[in-house]
Amino acid sequence: MPRYVAEIAQLKEEFKGKIDIYCGLEADYLTGVSEPFAVTKEKYHLDYLIGGVHLVINPVFRQAQRPKAPEPVEGPTPSINPDEIWFIDGPKWEVYDEGLQKLFDGDIRRAVHRFYEQSNEMIENEPFDVIAHFDKIKMHNRDRYFNEDEPWYRKLALETLDLIREKGLVMEINTRGIYKKRYNGFYPSPWLMEEAYKMGIPALISADAHHFSEITLEFEAAEEALKKAGYRSVVNFKDGKWVEVAIRL
């Protein structure tokens, strides 16, 4: 058993009645490569699991580069060559541009379609609780290749949103792009928050913090955006379930 499991149990006892302590993880989904989420949750003794896509694989490109290896029945998670993935996250837009050209021949529609297709695979096939920054494909785009008003883009995003509703997932409102100055808005965009509200999809606010100093950054702005979209509450995890909490503003 991992050492931190015992450490978390000790902290839960130490702070009992003062704060609730839970263990969660954001798991990355990569077609044919990532470990099954159910295995991850059990292995790391998690209370809840967040699912997200940060690395996009183009199956057509992979097949053209090398013969597909047979799927292992047992054993370690399959490996992948870094040159076969499109990294849509991180601080450098140059990496985004390079991957777009190399794996998709600069065809932004095909690339964005693959991002949402991979996201949909994750939603349909993996058990998890919260969908992370599900429109993050826009971060390094910054209206250079497409804009969100284009019908083809809206169709893809709304199809994924409908799957989120169908699977009963919680939708993350992610503030990291703003405080890290990598994007000037939330994931997802306000128009998607409005559509999610109409669909009855529960939301939570997350700073996607990588340091304790970031934990609640831009939360008030996110609450305001959710209120404009129609929400009057968010959800938080407590005692093994998601409970509604009123928005303060």
Protein backbone atom coordinates (compact mmCIF):
# COMPACT_ATOMS: atom_id res chain seq x y z
CA MET A 1 0.00 0.00 0.00
CA PRO A 2 1.38 3.48 -0.89
CA ARG A 3 2.79 5.35 2.09
CA TYR A 4 0.58 8.38 1.53
CA VAL A 5 -2.54 6.28 2.20
CA ALA A 6 -1.46 5.85 5.83
CA GLU A 7 -0.44 9.52 5.98
CA ILE A 8 -3.86 10.64 4.75
CA ALA A 9 -5.58 8.38 7.30
CA GLN A 10 -3.46 9.97 10.02
CA LEU A 11 -4.32 13.49 8.83
CA LYS A 12 -8.02 12.66 8.66
CA GLU A 13 -7.90 11.62 12.30
CA GLU A 14 -5.78 14.60 13.34
CA PHE A 15 -8.10 17.17 11.76
CA LYS A 16 -11.38 15.34 12.39
CA GLY A 17 -14.16 17.83 13.03
CA LYS A 18 -12.10 20.71 11.61
CA ILE A 19 -11.62 19.97 7.91
CA ASP A 20 -12.56 17.14 5.57
CA ILE A 21 -9.64 15.47 3.79
CA TYR A 22 -10.11 13.43 0.63
CA CYS A 23 -7.79 11.95 -1.95
CA GLY A 24 -8.45 12.60 -5.64
CA LEU A 25 -6.46 12.46 -8.85
CA GLU A 26 -6.69 13.91 -12.35
CA ALA A 27 -6.13 10.97 -14.68
CA ASP A 28 -5.00 11.55 -18.26
CA TYR A 29 -6.75 9.61 -21.00
CA LEU A 30 -4.77 8.57 -24.06
CA THR A 31 -6.36 6.11 -26.48
CA GLY A 32 -4.89 2.63 -26.17
CA VAL A 33 -2.16 3.76 -23.78
CA SER A 34 -3.51 5.04 -20.46
CA GLU A 35 -4.24 2.70 -17.59
CA PRO A 36 -7.94 1.91 -17.05
CA PHE A 37 -9.37 4.47 -14.65
CA ALA A 38 -10.94 1.79 -12.45
CA VAL A 39 -7.48 0.29 -11.92
CA THR A 40 -6.04 3.72 -11.12
CA LYS A 41 -8.75 4.48 -8.57
CA GLU A 42 -8.28 1.18 -6.75
CA LYS A 43 -4.48 1.22 -6.94
CA TYR A 44 -4.15 4.68 -5.39
CA HIS A 45 -7.08 4.40 -2.93
CA LEU A 46 -8.85 7.43 -4.37
CA ASP A 47 -12.09 8.96 -3.14
CA TYR A 48 -12.85 10.44 -6.55
CA LEU A 49 -11.32 10.69 -10.00
CA ILE A 50 -11.07 13.55 -12.48
CA GLY A 51 -10.72 12.67 -16.17
CA GLY A 52 -8.97 14.86 -18.71
CA VAL A 53 -7.27 14.95 -22.10
CA HIS A 54 -3.94 16.77 -22.43
CA LEU A 55 -2.23 14.57 -25.03
CA VAL A 56 -3.97 13.82 -28.30
CA ILE A 57 -3.02 10.81 -30.37
CA ASN A 58 -3.76 10.61 -34.10
CA PRO A 59 -4.38 6.91 -34.83
CA VAL A 60 -3.95 7.46 -38.59
CA PHE A 61 -0.51 8.98 -38.06
CA ARG A 62 0.49 6.22 -35.65
CA GLN A 63 -0.55 3.47 -38.04
CA ALA A 64 1.38 5.10 -40.88
CA GLN A 65 4.53 5.38 -38.78
CA ARG A 66 4.74 1.79 -37.54
CA PRO A 67 2.74 -1.43 -37.45
CA LYS A 68 0.30 -1.61 -34.58
CA ALA A 69 1.52 -3.91 -31.82
CA PRO A 70 -0.92 -6.55 -30.57
CA GLU A 71 -2.84 -5.51 -27.50
CA PRO A 72 -1.34 -7.19 -24.40
CA VAL A 73 -3.67 -9.29 -22.30
CA GLU A 74 -1.68 -8.68 -19.15
CA GLY A 75 1.40 -6.73 -18.20
CA PRO A 76 2.46 -3.06 -18.12
CA THR A 77 0.62 -0.20 -19.81
CA PRO A 78 1.59 0.06 -23.52
CA SER A 79 4.23 2.68 -24.28
CA ILE A 80 4.06 5.36 -26.94
CA ASN A 81 6.60 7.42 -28.80
CA PRO A 82 6.38 11.10 -27.74
CA ASP A 83 6.54 12.04 -31.42
CA GLU A 84 3.14 10.40 -31.90
CA ILE A 85 1.24 12.71 -29.56
CA TRP A 86 -0.01 16.29 -29.78
CA PHE A 87 0.53 18.10 -26.47
CA ILE A 88 -2.21 20.73 -26.23
CA ASP A 89 -1.33 21.88 -22.70
CA GLY A 90 1.74 23.45 -21.10
CA PRO A 91 3.16 26.97 -21.31
CA LYS A 92 4.43 26.94 -24.92
CA TRP A 93 2.09 27.59 -27.83
CA GLU A 94 4.94 26.61 -30.16
CA VAL A 95 4.54 22.98 -29.04
CA TYR A 96 0.84 23.15 -29.92
CA ASP A 97 1.64 24.55 -33.38
CA GLU A 98 4.36 21.99 -34.05
CA GLY A 99 2.12 19.06 -33.13
CA LEU A 100 -0.72 20.41 -35.24
CA GLN A 101 1.52 20.53 -38.28
CA LYS A 102 3.28 17.22 -37.71
CA LEU A 103 0.36 14.99 -36.75
CA PHE A 104 -2.52 16.67 -38.58
CA ASP A 105 -0.83 18.47 -41.49
CA GLY A 106 -2.06 21.77 -40.08
CA ASP A 107 -5.71 20.75 -40.46
CA ILE A 108 -7.23 22.35 -37.36
CA ARG A 109 -10.70 20.90 -37.93
CA ARG A 110 -9.36 17.36 -38.08
CA ALA A 111 -7.18 18.00 -35.02
CA VAL A 112 -9.98 19.51 -32.93
CA HIS A 113 -12.31 16.72 -34.02
CA ARG A 114 -9.76 14.19 -32.77
CA PHE A 115 -9.47 15.99 -29.42
CA TYR A 116 -13.22 15.80 -28.86
CA GLU A 117 -13.36 12.26 -30.21
CA GLN A 118 -10.73 11.18 -27.68
CA SER A 119 -12.59 13.04 -24.93
CA ASN A 120 -15.78 11.22 -25.90
CA GLU A 121 -13.98 7.87 -25.79
CA MET A 122 -12.93 8.65 -22.23
CA ILE A 123 -16.44 9.71 -21.18
CA GLU A 124 -18.09 6.66 -22.72
CA ASN A 125 -15.58 4.02 -21.65
CA GLU A 126 -13.99 5.09 -18.35
CA PRO A 127 -15.56 5.41 -14.88
CA PHE A 128 -14.78 8.77 -13.29
CA ASP A 129 -16.51 11.63 -11.47
CA VAL A 130 -15.43 15.00 -12.86
CA ILE A 131 -14.65 16.08 -16.42
CA ALA A 132 -11.63 18.38 -16.46
CA HIS A 133 -11.39 21.52 -18.66
CA PHE A 134 -13.23 19.74 -21.48
CA ASP A 135 -12.69 22.53 -24.05
CA LYS A 136 -9.00 23.09 -23.31
CA ILE A 137 -8.21 22.60 -26.99
CA LYS A 138 -8.83 26.35 -27.32
CA MET A 139 -6.04 27.42 -24.94
CA HIS A 140 -3.18 27.81 -27.41
CA ASN A 141 -5.51 28.47 -30.33
CA ARG A 142 -6.33 32.01 -29.18
CA ASP A 143 -8.50 32.57 -32.28
CA ARG A 144 -5.54 31.95 -34.61
CA TYR A 145 -6.92 28.77 -36.22
CA PHE A 146 -10.62 28.77 -35.33
CA ASN A 147 -13.14 30.67 -33.25
CA GLU A 148 -15.81 29.24 -31.02
CA ASP A 149 -18.66 30.77 -33.00
CA GLU A 150 -18.00 28.51 -35.98
CA PRO A 151 -20.83 25.96 -36.34
CA TRP A 152 -18.49 22.96 -36.79
CA TYR A 153 -16.73 23.75 -33.52
CA ARG A 154 -19.93 24.33 -31.57
CA LYS A 155 -21.33 21.04 -32.82
CA LEU A 156 -18.31 19.11 -31.52
CA ALA A 157 -18.30 20.85 -28.12
CA LEU A 158 -22.05 20.39 -27.65
CA GLU A 159 -21.88 16.70 -28.54
CA THR A 160 -19.30 16.22 -25.80
CA LEU A 161 -21.37 18.28 -23.37
CA ASP A 162 -24.38 16.07 -24.07
CA LEU A 163 -22.27 12.99 -23.29
CA ILE A 164 -21.22 14.61 -20.01
CA ARG A 165 -24.91 15.02 -19.18
CA GLU A 166 -25.74 11.47 -20.25
CA LYS A 167 -23.02 9.96 -18.03
CA GLY A 168 -23.95 12.09 -15.03
CA LEU A 169 -20.52 13.70 -14.69
CA VAL A 170 -19.65 16.85 -12.79
CA MET A 171 -18.27 19.65 -14.99
CA GLU A 172 -15.18 21.46 -13.81
CA ILE A 173 -14.99 25.24 -14.12
CA ASN A 174 -11.24 25.68 -14.42
CA THR A 175 -9.58 29.01 -13.59
CA ARG A 176 -5.93 28.14 -14.26
CA GLY A 177 -5.74 29.70 -17.70
CA ILE A 178 -6.59 33.11 -16.25
CA TYR A 179 -4.20 33.31 -13.32
CA LYS A 180 -1.36 31.70 -15.30
CA LYS A 181 -2.08 34.19 -18.14
CA ARG A 182 -2.23 31.40 -20.75
CA TYR A 183 -5.83 32.06 -21.68
CA ASN A 184 -8.16 34.97 -20.98
CA GLY A 185 -11.16 32.96 -19.85
CA PHE A 186 -12.46 29.84 -18.15
CA TYR A 187 -12.63 26.24 -19.28
CA PRO A 188 -15.34 25.82 -20.37
CA SER A 189 -16.37 29.09 -22.01
CA PRO A 190 -19.41 31.00 -20.70
CA TRP A 191 -21.60 29.90 -23.63
CA LEU A 192 -20.92 26.28 -22.69
CA MET A 193 -21.69 27.02 -19.03
CA GLU A 194 -25.09 28.32 -20.20
CA GLU A 195 -25.75 25.18 -22.22
CA ALA A 196 -24.61 22.99 -19.32
CA TYR A 197 -27.02 24.79 -16.99
CA LYS A 198 -29.89 24.14 -19.39
CA MET A 199 -28.93 20.45 -19.44
CA GLY A 200 -28.84 20.24 -15.64
CA ILE A 201 -25.13 19.40 -15.46
CA PRO A 202 -23.65 20.04 -11.99
CA ALA A 203 -20.52 22.19 -11.81
CA LEU A 204 -17.62 22.67 -9.45
CA ILE A 205 -14.93 25.34 -9.40
CA SER A 206 -11.28 24.32 -9.53
CA ALA A 207 -8.06 26.30 -9.77
CA ASP A 208 -6.27 23.21 -11.11
CA ALA A 209 -3.66 24.24 -8.55
CA HIS A 210 -0.10 22.99 -8.83
CA HIS A 211 0.90 24.85 -5.64
CA PHE A 212 -1.00 25.54 -2.41
CA SER A 213 -0.86 29.30 -3.10
CA GLU A 214 -3.07 28.78 -6.17
CA ILE A 215 -5.86 26.77 -4.58
CA THR A 216 -8.66 29.38 -4.72
CA LEU A 217 -7.38 31.82 -7.36
CA GLU A 218 -10.12 33.46 -9.48
CA PHE A 219 -12.89 31.63 -7.63
CA GLU A 220 -15.03 34.76 -7.24
CA ALA A 221 -14.81 35.46 -10.97
CA ALA A 222 -15.83 31.86 -11.67
CA GLU A 223 -18.80 32.14 -9.31
CA GLU A 224 -19.88 35.30 -11.11
CA ALA A 225 -19.60 33.59 -14.50
CA LEU A 226 -21.67 30.65 -13.26
CA LYS A 227 -24.34 32.97 -11.91
CA LYS A 228 -24.58 34.72 -15.28
CA ALA A 229 -25.01 31.29 -16.87
CA GLY A 230 -27.94 30.55 -14.54
CA TYR A 231 -26.30 28.50 -11.79
CA ARG A 232 -27.12 29.23 -8.17
CA SER A 233 -25.07 26.40 -6.67
CA VAL A 234 -21.98 24.28 -7.26
CA VAL A 235 -21.15 20.84 -5.92
CA ASN A 236 -18.48 19.72 -3.50
CA PHE A 237 -17.40 16.23 -2.45
CA LYS A 238 -18.41 15.22 1.06
CA ASP A 239 -18.74 11.83 2.76
CA GLY A 240 -18.49 9.90 -0.47
CA LYS A 241 -20.98 11.91 -2.53
CA TRP A 242 -21.40 15.21 -4.35
CA VAL A 243 -23.49 17.78 -2.46
CA GLU A 244 -24.83 21.16 -3.56
CA VAL A 245 -23.40 24.33 -2.06
CA ALA A 246 -24.94 27.73 -2.73
CA ILE A 247 -22.88 30.25 -4.71
CA ARG A 248 -21.92 33.04 -2.34
CA LEU A 249 -22.26 36.06 -4.64
